[in-house]
Amino acid sequence: MLNQMSVLPFVKVICRDLSKFSLNIVVLVFSVTFWPIAAEETPSKENVRSAEPIPKTIVLPNSIQFGGFIDSYYMHNRNLPKDTERNFTTQAVRNGEFNVNLAYVEAKVEEKNYRGRLAFQWGTSVNANYAAEVTTEKYSNQNSVKNIQEAYTGFKIGKDTWIDAGIFFGNIGYESWISQNNVNYTRAFALDYVPYYSSGVRLSHKFSEKLSGQLQVLNGWQNITDNNKDKSFGSQIKYLFSQNLILTLNQFVGNEAPNNERKQMRLYQNTILEWVLSDRFSLVGQFDVGAQKAKQSFVYEPWLGAYDPNHGDYRETASHVYRQWYHGTIWASFKITPEYRLSFRIERFYDPLQVMVNTGTRNGFMSNGYTTTFDILTYDPGLLRFEYVYRRSADSVFAYRDNQTSKKEDFFLVAFSMKF
């Protein structure tokens, strides 16, 4: 039989060890139970970094291009007019001062299935060209649109078929708004009285290697904010007899009367023949004819009031008469050497009924023009130009000295432009 006093210490040791073992078991169970939850609620730093959103990289099309153009000039008008601005033109309009005719910045893209161009512009020619834009509308007016040179997007809808929508350059006329694309610095009357820009939709198709065409639905004749509820239509046919002989036909038809007047349909045909005789010599001829329906007239018939008091003394009648105007221009350009070029322009503008140009004179606007331009090509992509222009009209319509007019206008100018 064991002694009780000897057993007690042994029992205490066992109880103490048993307590430590039980505590270890509880800690182990607690850890196994709640550690996964704690791990989910407190992610590691690596997990935090991987959970952050990865920024997307915007890949620009390979064909996208950014650029700009600056066209500055100084003109000396030998008429020495009191006015600081010339009439009957939109280009180089300021007399006796240095100024910017046109400056723009652009972004354009041309991919397999889409294309577009966005260009913003400033200069004296911009103010002159957009002077006829509507000013009374609240959201679309002259101030909101005149600094937009082009803003259009296009999509390829067939093998050789494109559709473009927005604001784009007008297609009528041989010369361009961008002076560096022309053999003369100033513009012929033929271009100053056709649209420099249009707003609408155009469908273009290439029928063959020689024949292509366009159809256009437009707001009107050089306007972004429409002045009536009707839409106008334009078209183009271009045929290449060869790479050196090109025929272009441009047409326009549309109502050019505001909503408060009877319709005045305008019809226009522009014909251009380009002949590149060699790398050094080219010859271009252009002939235009336009016709516009005359405004409504009022016939004096006092008996109407006696017959019906609701009628006045005048009866409004619709006009079936079309008033016409014409102009023709010839350009000849000769590259003397790779560094120098000499170009000539002869033009005739005939508008006796003052459809396009209102002079308030007996013969209307019947003017001839003669232009000589000397270009220095060594500054490419810059271009230094010297030009002399002489114009003569049937009536005294050109500003001359102090509040006088003259049948002739002639001036010298120097211009420098650069594309980048």
Protein backbone atom coordinates (compact mmCIF):
# COMPACT_ATOMS: atom_id res chain seq x y z
CA MET A 1 0.00 0.00 0.00
CA LEU A 2 1.32 3.47 -1.07
CA ASN A 3 1.97 6.31 1.25
CA GLN A 4 -0.53 9.26 0.78
CA MET A 5 2.10 11.92 1.34
CA SER A 6 4.26 10.51 -1.41
CA VAL A 7 1.41 10.41 -3.93
CA LEU A 8 0.35 14.11 -3.56
CA PRO A 9 3.34 15.71 -5.31
CA PHE A 10 2.95 13.33 -8.16
CA VAL A 11 -0.73 14.21 -8.59
CA LYS A 12 0.08 17.96 -8.60
CA VAL A 13 2.63 17.49 -11.36
CA ILE A 14 0.19 15.55 -13.47
CA CYS A 15 -2.55 18.18 -13.02
CA ARG A 16 -0.16 21.00 -13.92
CA ASP A 17 0.97 19.21 -17.10
CA LEU A 18 -2.61 18.41 -18.01
CA SER A 19 -3.59 22.08 -17.74
CA LYS A 20 -0.75 23.17 -20.04
CA PHE A 21 -1.73 20.50 -22.56
CA SER A 22 -5.39 21.60 -22.51
CA LEU A 23 -4.39 25.24 -23.07
CA ASN A 24 -2.21 24.26 -26.02
CA ILE A 25 -5.14 22.32 -27.53
CA VAL A 26 -7.46 25.35 -27.22
CA VAL A 27 -4.93 27.68 -28.86
CA LEU A 28 -4.40 25.23 -31.72
CA VAL A 29 -8.14 24.83 -32.35
CA PHE A 30 -8.68 28.62 -32.27
CA SER A 31 -5.85 29.16 -34.72
CA VAL A 32 -7.05 26.53 -37.16
CA THR A 33 -10.59 27.89 -37.00
CA PHE A 34 -10.03 31.64 -37.36
CA TRP A 35 -6.67 32.03 -39.22
CA PRO A 36 -8.18 31.63 -42.75
CA ILE A 37 -10.74 34.33 -41.94
CA ALA A 38 -8.09 36.69 -40.69
CA ALA A 39 -5.99 36.00 -43.79
CA GLU A 40 -8.93 36.94 -46.07
CA GLU A 41 -9.71 40.14 -44.18
CA THR A 42 -6.09 41.34 -44.16
CA PRO A 43 -4.58 40.80 -47.63
CA SER A 44 -0.87 40.97 -48.09
CA LYS A 45 0.88 43.90 -49.78
CA GLU A 46 1.38 41.81 -52.89
CA ASN A 47 -2.36 41.15 -53.09
CA VAL A 48 -3.11 44.85 -52.60
CA ARG A 49 -0.84 45.79 -55.50
CA SER A 50 -2.32 43.13 -57.79
CA ALA A 51 -5.86 44.28 -57.00
CA GLU A 52 -5.21 47.83 -58.26
CA PRO A 53 -6.71 48.52 -61.77
CA ILE A 54 -4.20 48.40 -64.60
CA PRO A 55 -4.38 51.59 -66.73
CA LYS A 56 -5.38 51.01 -70.36
CA THR A 57 -2.98 52.11 -73.09
CA ILE A 58 -4.56 54.13 -75.93
CA VAL A 59 -3.01 53.16 -79.24
CA LEU A 60 -3.20 55.84 -81.94
CA PRO A 61 -3.62 54.78 -85.57
CA ASN A 62 -0.37 54.62 -87.51
CA SER A 63 -1.71 57.01 -90.14
CA ILE A 64 -2.61 59.87 -87.78
CA GLN A 65 -0.81 63.11 -88.60
CA PHE A 66 -0.56 66.46 -86.84
CA GLY A 67 0.38 69.61 -88.67
CA GLY A 68 -0.23 73.26 -89.33
CA PHE A 69 0.09 76.12 -91.77
CA ILE A 70 0.96 79.82 -91.55
CA ASP A 71 0.36 82.27 -94.40
CA SER A 72 1.42 85.90 -93.85
CA TYR A 73 1.52 88.80 -96.30
CA TYR A 74 2.06 92.50 -96.90
CA MET A 75 0.18 94.31 -99.68
CA HIS A 76 0.72 97.75 -101.21
CA ASN A 77 -2.35 98.99 -103.08
CA ARG A 78 -1.39 101.53 -105.73
CA ASN A 79 -4.91 102.99 -105.65
CA LEU A 80 -3.98 104.32 -102.17
CA PRO A 81 -7.55 103.93 -100.91
CA LYS A 82 -8.72 105.55 -97.72
CA ASP A 83 -10.28 102.25 -96.69
CA THR A 84 -7.99 99.71 -95.04
CA GLU A 85 -9.79 96.74 -96.62
CA ARG A 86 -10.27 95.69 -100.24
CA ASN A 87 -13.63 94.81 -101.74
CA PHE A 88 -14.66 91.94 -104.04
CA THR A 89 -12.25 89.42 -102.53
CA THR A 90 -11.60 87.34 -99.41
CA GLN A 91 -7.82 86.89 -99.73
CA ALA A 92 -5.15 89.47 -98.82
CA VAL A 93 -7.88 91.93 -97.93
CA ARG A 94 -5.86 94.39 -95.83
CA ASN A 95 -4.18 97.39 -97.44
CA GLY A 96 -0.73 98.53 -96.37
CA GLU A 97 -0.15 96.32 -93.33
CA PHE A 98 1.48 93.07 -92.30
CA ASN A 99 -1.11 90.45 -91.45
CA VAL A 100 -1.95 86.74 -91.40
CA ASN A 101 -4.17 85.59 -94.23
CA LEU A 102 -4.63 82.06 -92.89
CA ALA A 103 -3.19 79.99 -90.06
CA TYR A 104 -4.44 76.59 -88.97
CA VAL A 105 -3.58 73.52 -86.91
CA GLU A 106 -4.85 70.09 -87.87
CA ALA A 107 -5.10 66.43 -86.99
CA LYS A 108 -6.03 63.93 -89.68
CA VAL A 109 -6.23 60.18 -90.06
CA GLU A 110 -6.64 57.85 -93.06
CA GLU A 111 -7.09 54.16 -92.31
CA LYS A 112 -8.38 51.29 -94.40
CA ASN A 113 -12.00 51.69 -93.29
CA TYR A 114 -12.24 55.18 -91.80
CA ARG A 115 -10.80 58.66 -92.16
CA GLY A 116 -11.26 62.17 -90.81
CA ARG A 117 -9.79 65.61 -90.35
CA LEU A 118 -10.14 68.28 -87.66
CA ALA A 119 -8.62 71.71 -88.29
CA PHE A 120 -9.01 75.06 -86.51
CA GLN A 121 -8.18 78.30 -88.31
CA TRP A 122 -7.59 82.04 -87.90
CA GLY A 123 -6.74 84.96 -90.19
CA THR A 124 -8.16 87.79 -92.28
CA SER A 125 -9.47 85.40 -94.95
CA VAL A 126 -11.41 83.52 -92.26
CA ASN A 127 -13.23 86.68 -91.17
CA ALA A 128 -13.97 87.58 -94.79
CA ASN A 129 -15.22 84.12 -95.77
CA TYR A 130 -17.55 83.67 -92.81
CA ALA A 131 -18.99 87.20 -92.90
CA ALA A 132 -22.20 85.91 -94.51
CA GLU A 133 -22.82 83.25 -91.85
CA VAL A 134 -25.99 83.67 -89.78
CA THR A 135 -25.53 85.81 -86.66
CA THR A 136 -29.03 85.72 -85.16
CA GLU A 137 -29.27 82.06 -84.17
CA LYS A 138 -28.56 81.26 -80.52
CA TYR A 139 -26.56 78.03 -80.69
CA SER A 140 -25.17 78.01 -84.24
CA ASN A 141 -23.89 81.33 -85.55
CA GLN A 142 -20.89 83.03 -87.09
CA ASN A 143 -18.92 83.15 -83.84
CA SER A 144 -19.44 79.45 -83.13
CA VAL A 145 -18.38 78.10 -86.53
CA LYS A 146 -15.89 80.44 -88.24
CA ASN A 147 -12.79 78.95 -86.60
CA ILE A 148 -13.65 75.45 -87.88
CA GLN A 149 -11.87 74.87 -91.18
CA GLU A 150 -12.80 71.19 -91.50
CA ALA A 151 -14.40 68.77 -89.10
CA TYR A 152 -15.56 65.56 -90.71
CA THR A 153 -15.46 61.81 -90.31
CA GLY A 154 -15.68 59.27 -93.11
CA PHE A 155 -16.33 55.56 -93.41
CA LYS A 156 -15.69 53.12 -96.21
CA ILE A 157 -18.97 51.49 -97.15
CA GLY A 158 -17.78 49.67 -100.28
CA LYS A 159 -14.66 48.63 -102.11
CA ASP A 160 -14.16 52.10 -103.59
CA THR A 161 -16.99 53.98 -101.88
CA TRP A 162 -16.72 56.48 -99.00
CA ILE A 163 -19.23 58.57 -97.10
CA ASP A 164 -18.12 61.68 -95.19
CA ALA A 165 -20.19 63.91 -92.91
CA GLY A 166 -19.42 67.26 -91.31
CA ILE A 167 -17.70 70.43 -92.53
CA PHE A 168 -15.32 70.08 -95.47
CA PHE A 169 -13.70 72.16 -98.23
CA GLY A 170 -15.86 73.09 -101.19
CA ASN A 171 -15.19 71.17 -104.40
CA ILE A 172 -15.97 73.92 -106.93
CA GLY A 173 -13.02 75.67 -108.56
CA TYR A 174 -9.42 74.93 -109.44
CA GLU A 175 -7.77 77.04 -106.74
CA SER A 176 -7.61 76.12 -103.06
CA TRP A 177 -8.13 78.15 -99.90
CA ILE A 178 -4.58 77.15 -98.91
CA SER A 179 -2.39 79.51 -100.92
CA GLN A 180 0.62 77.20 -101.04
CA ASN A 181 -1.40 74.75 -103.14
CA ASN A 182 -1.91 77.37 -105.89
CA VAL A 183 0.38 78.77 -108.56
CA ASN A 184 -0.79 82.31 -107.68
CA TYR A 185 -1.06 83.78 -104.20
CA THR A 186 -4.32 85.72 -104.55
CA ARG A 187 -7.48 84.03 -105.83
CA ALA A 188 -9.36 84.54 -109.05
CA PHE A 189 -12.87 85.97 -108.94
CA ALA A 190 -13.92 82.47 -109.95
CA LEU A 191 -12.97 81.13 -106.53
CA ASP A 192 -13.98 84.10 -104.39
CA TYR A 193 -17.58 83.70 -105.57
CA VAL A 194 -17.97 79.95 -105.07
CA PRO A 195 -18.01 78.05 -101.74
CA TYR A 196 -14.69 77.76 -99.94
CA TYR A 197 -16.36 75.33 -97.53
CA SER A 198 -19.52 73.23 -97.28
CA SER A 199 -21.48 71.51 -94.54
CA GLY A 200 -23.34 68.26 -95.11
CA VAL A 201 -22.80 64.71 -96.34
CA ARG A 202 -20.84 63.57 -99.39
CA LEU A 203 -20.73 60.19 -101.09
CA SER A 204 -17.67 59.51 -103.26
CA HIS A 205 -17.02 56.52 -105.50
CA LYS A 206 -14.18 55.47 -107.78
CA PHE A 207 -15.67 53.77 -110.82
CA SER A 208 -12.34 52.96 -112.44
CA GLU A 209 -8.75 54.15 -112.53
CA LYS A 210 -9.87 57.01 -114.76
CA LEU A 211 -13.39 57.89 -113.59
CA SER A 212 -14.58 59.01 -110.12
CA GLY A 213 -17.55 60.97 -108.80
CA GLN A 214 -19.25 62.59 -105.82
CA LEU A 215 -22.79 63.30 -104.62
CA GLN A 216 -23.40 65.84 -101.86
CA VAL A 217 -26.33 66.89 -99.69
CA LEU A 218 -25.53 70.33 -98.24
CA ASN A 219 -27.00 73.00 -96.00
CA GLY A 220 -26.49 75.51 -98.79
CA TRP A 221 -24.06 77.67 -100.73
CA GLN A 222 -21.16 78.15 -98.28
CA ASN A 223 -23.03 78.15 -95.01
CA ILE A 224 -22.91 75.98 -91.93
CA THR A 225 -25.97 77.47 -90.24
CA ASP A 226 -28.75 77.07 -92.78
CA ASN A 227 -30.71 80.17 -93.85
CA ASN A 228 -33.79 78.22 -94.98
CA LYS A 229 -35.50 74.86 -94.58
CA ASP A 230 -34.33 73.44 -97.92
CA LYS A 231 -31.26 71.36 -98.60
CA SER A 232 -28.93 71.85 -101.56
CA PHE A 233 -27.23 69.28 -103.76
CA GLY A 234 -23.77 69.12 -105.26
CA SER A 235 -21.94 66.68 -107.51
CA GLN A 236 -18.60 66.11 -109.15
CA ILE A 237 -17.36 64.03 -112.07
CA LYS A 238 -13.61 63.66 -112.64
CA TYR A 239 -12.13 61.91 -115.65
CA LEU A 240 -8.43 61.26 -116.30
CA PHE A 241 -7.71 61.06 -120.02
CA SER A 242 -4.14 60.48 -118.80
CA GLN A 243 -2.07 61.44 -115.77
CA ASN A 244 -1.33 64.74 -117.55
CA LEU A 245 -4.81 65.62 -118.83
CA ILE A 246 -7.70 65.80 -116.33
CA LEU A 247 -11.29 66.99 -116.78
CA THR A 248 -13.38 67.94 -113.71
CA LEU A 249 -17.08 68.87 -113.74
CA ASN A 250 -18.71 70.33 -110.61
CA GLN A 251 -22.41 71.10 -110.20
CA PHE A 252 -24.63 72.77 -107.58
CA VAL A 253 -28.38 73.24 -107.25
CA GLY A 254 -30.28 74.69 -104.32
CA ASN A 255 -32.61 77.37 -102.99
CA GLU A 256 -30.69 80.42 -101.81
CA ALA A 257 -33.59 82.53 -100.54
CA PRO A 258 -34.35 82.97 -96.82
CA ASN A 259 -37.58 81.54 -95.44
CA ASN A 260 -39.42 84.87 -95.69
CA GLU A 261 -38.99 85.03 -99.50
CA ARG A 262 -40.11 82.90 -102.40
CA LYS A 263 -37.66 80.22 -103.49
CA GLN A 264 -34.76 81.39 -105.62
CA MET A 265 -33.16 78.28 -107.11
CA ARG A 266 -29.48 78.57 -107.95
CA LEU A 267 -27.94 76.39 -110.67
CA TYR A 268 -24.19 76.27 -111.19
CA GLN A 269 -21.79 74.47 -113.51
CA ASN A 270 -18.00 74.54 -113.11
CA THR A 271 -15.71 73.00 -115.74
CA ILE A 272 -11.93 72.57 -115.25
CA LEU A 273 -9.41 71.19 -117.71
CA GLU A 274 -5.85 70.57 -116.43
CA TRP A 275 -3.02 69.93 -118.84
CA VAL A 276 0.44 69.15 -117.46
CA LEU A 277 2.73 69.41 -120.47
CA SER A 278 5.91 68.54 -118.54
CA ASP A 279 7.47 68.66 -115.10
CA ARG A 280 8.14 72.33 -115.68
CA PHE A 281 5.08 73.64 -117.52
CA SER A 282 1.33 73.34 -116.84
CA LEU A 283 -1.78 74.96 -118.27
CA VAL A 284 -5.27 75.07 -116.72
CA GLY A 285 -8.53 76.47 -118.04
CA GLN A 286 -11.79 76.97 -116.14
CA PHE A 287 -15.22 78.16 -117.25
CA ASP A 288 -18.21 78.72 -114.96
CA VAL A 289 -21.84 79.57 -115.60
CA GLY A 290 -24.49 80.25 -112.97
CA ALA A 291 -28.20 81.04 -113.03
CA GLN A 292 -30.53 82.03 -110.23
CA LYS A 293 -34.26 82.58 -110.21
CA ALA A 294 -35.17 86.24 -109.78
CA LYS A 295 -36.91 87.45 -106.63
CA GLN A 296 -40.69 87.87 -106.57
CA SER A 297 -42.06 91.10 -107.99
CA PHE A 298 -45.01 93.37 -107.15
CA VAL A 299 -47.42 94.66 -109.82
CA TYR A 300 -49.29 97.93 -109.21
CA GLU A 301 -53.01 97.20 -109.60
CA PRO A 302 -55.06 99.75 -107.61
CA TRP A 303 -58.38 98.25 -108.70
CA LEU A 304 -57.75 95.27 -106.46
CA GLY A 305 -58.48 97.34 -103.36
CA ALA A 306 -61.74 98.57 -104.81
CA TYR A 307 -62.77 95.04 -105.72
CA ASP A 308 -61.71 93.50 -102.43
CA PRO A 309 -60.70 95.69 -99.44
CA ASN A 310 -58.52 92.84 -98.16
CA HIS A 311 -56.14 93.41 -101.06
CA GLY A 312 -53.73 96.31 -101.32
CA ASP A 313 -52.67 98.24 -104.41
CA TYR A 314 -49.90 95.75 -105.25
CA ARG A 315 -50.16 92.13 -106.27
CA GLU A 316 -47.26 89.79 -105.58
CA THR A 317 -46.22 87.64 -108.50
CA ALA A 318 -43.80 84.75 -108.72
CA SER A 319 -40.88 85.21 -111.08
CA HIS A 320 -39.95 82.67 -113.74
CA VAL A 321 -36.89 84.58 -114.94
CA TYR A 322 -33.39 83.24 -114.32
CA ARG A 323 -30.54 85.73 -114.11
CA GLN A 324 -27.15 84.47 -115.27
CA TRP A 325 -23.48 85.22 -114.70
CA TYR A 326 -20.25 83.83 -116.14
CA HIS A 327 -16.53 83.77 -115.53
CA GLY A 328 -13.53 82.19 -117.16
CA THR A 329 -9.92 81.85 -116.02
CA ILE A 330 -6.65 80.58 -117.51
CA TRP A 331 -3.54 79.69 -115.49
CA ALA A 332 -0.07 79.10 -116.92
CA SER A 333 2.85 78.06 -114.71
CA PHE A 334 6.49 77.62 -115.71
CA LYS A 335 9.25 76.32 -113.43
CA ILE A 336 12.32 78.21 -114.62
CA THR A 337 14.67 76.13 -112.46
CA PRO A 338 14.04 73.80 -109.50
CA GLU A 339 14.37 76.90 -107.29
CA TYR A 340 12.20 79.44 -109.17
CA ARG A 341 8.71 79.44 -110.69
CA LEU A 342 6.83 82.03 -112.74
CA SER A 343 3.03 81.89 -113.06
CA PHE A 344 0.37 83.92 -114.87
CA ARG A 345 -3.41 84.20 -114.56
CA ILE A 346 -5.93 85.86 -116.90
CA GLU A 347 -9.58 86.10 -115.85
CA ARG A 348 -12.92 87.58 -116.84
CA PHE A 349 -15.93 87.94 -114.50
CA TYR A 350 -19.27 88.87 -116.09
CA ASP A 351 -22.19 89.67 -113.79
CA PRO A 352 -24.12 92.60 -115.31
CA LEU A 353 -27.33 91.70 -113.45
CA GLN A 354 -25.48 91.75 -110.11
CA VAL A 355 -26.57 88.32 -108.95
CA MET A 356 -23.36 87.57 -107.06
CA VAL A 357 -21.77 91.03 -106.82
CA ASN A 358 -23.93 94.05 -106.04
CA THR A 359 -22.19 97.22 -107.18
CA GLY A 360 -25.20 99.49 -107.71
CA THR A 361 -23.71 100.64 -111.01
CA ARG A 362 -25.05 100.66 -114.56
CA ASN A 363 -23.04 97.72 -115.92
CA GLY A 364 -22.87 95.71 -112.74
CA PHE A 365 -19.66 93.79 -112.10
CA MET A 366 -17.82 93.15 -115.35
CA SER A 367 -14.10 92.92 -114.64
CA ASN A 368 -10.90 91.58 -116.14
CA GLY A 369 -7.87 90.53 -114.11
CA TYR A 370 -4.19 89.91 -114.87
CA THR A 371 -1.81 88.37 -112.33
CA THR A 372 1.92 87.59 -112.32
CA THR A 373 3.54 85.59 -109.51
CA PHE A 374 7.21 84.83 -108.89
CA ASP A 375 7.94 82.03 -106.39
CA ILE A 376 11.18 81.15 -104.63
CA LEU A 377 11.04 77.41 -103.84
CA THR A 378 14.32 76.97 -101.96
CA TYR A 379 12.76 77.32 -98.50
CA ASP A 380 10.69 74.14 -98.68
CA PRO A 381 8.40 73.52 -96.75
CA GLY A 382 8.27 77.33 -96.83
CA LEU A 383 7.41 79.41 -99.88
CA LEU A 384 8.39 83.04 -100.59
CA ARG A 385 6.20 84.81 -103.16
CA PHE A 386 6.07 88.13 -105.00
CA GLU A 387 2.95 89.07 -106.93
CA TYR A 388 1.48 91.88 -109.02
CA VAL A 389 -2.25 92.07 -109.80
CA TYR A 390 -4.04 94.42 -112.20
CA ARG A 391 -7.84 94.46 -112.47
CA ARG A 392 -10.11 96.65 -114.55
CA SER A 393 -13.90 96.97 -114.45
CA ALA A 394 -16.49 98.47 -116.80
CA ASP A 395 -17.65 100.82 -114.02
CA SER A 396 -15.79 102.67 -111.28
CA VAL A 397 -16.15 100.14 -108.47
CA PHE A 398 -12.68 99.98 -106.89
CA ALA A 399 -11.81 102.26 -103.98
CA TYR A 400 -9.42 105.05 -104.96
CA ARG A 401 -7.74 107.60 -102.70
CA ASP A 402 -10.08 109.77 -100.56
CA ASN A 403 -13.64 108.47 -100.94
CA GLN A 404 -13.31 108.13 -104.69
CA THR A 405 -13.67 105.15 -107.01
CA SER A 406 -11.77 103.96 -110.04
CA LYS A 407 -12.23 101.51 -112.88
CA LYS A 408 -8.84 99.95 -112.13
CA GLU A 409 -7.15 98.34 -109.14
CA ASP A 410 -3.53 97.22 -109.03
CA PHE A 411 -1.28 96.18 -106.19
CA PHE A 412 1.98 94.48 -105.23
CA LEU A 413 2.31 91.99 -102.43
CA VAL A 414 4.92 89.80 -100.79
CA ALA A 415 3.90 86.66 -98.91
CA PHE A 416 5.60 83.90 -96.98
CA SER A 417 3.92 80.65 -96.03
CA MET A 418 5.02 77.44 -94.38
CA LYS A 419 3.52 74.02 -93.76
CA PHE A 420 4.66 71.92 -90.83
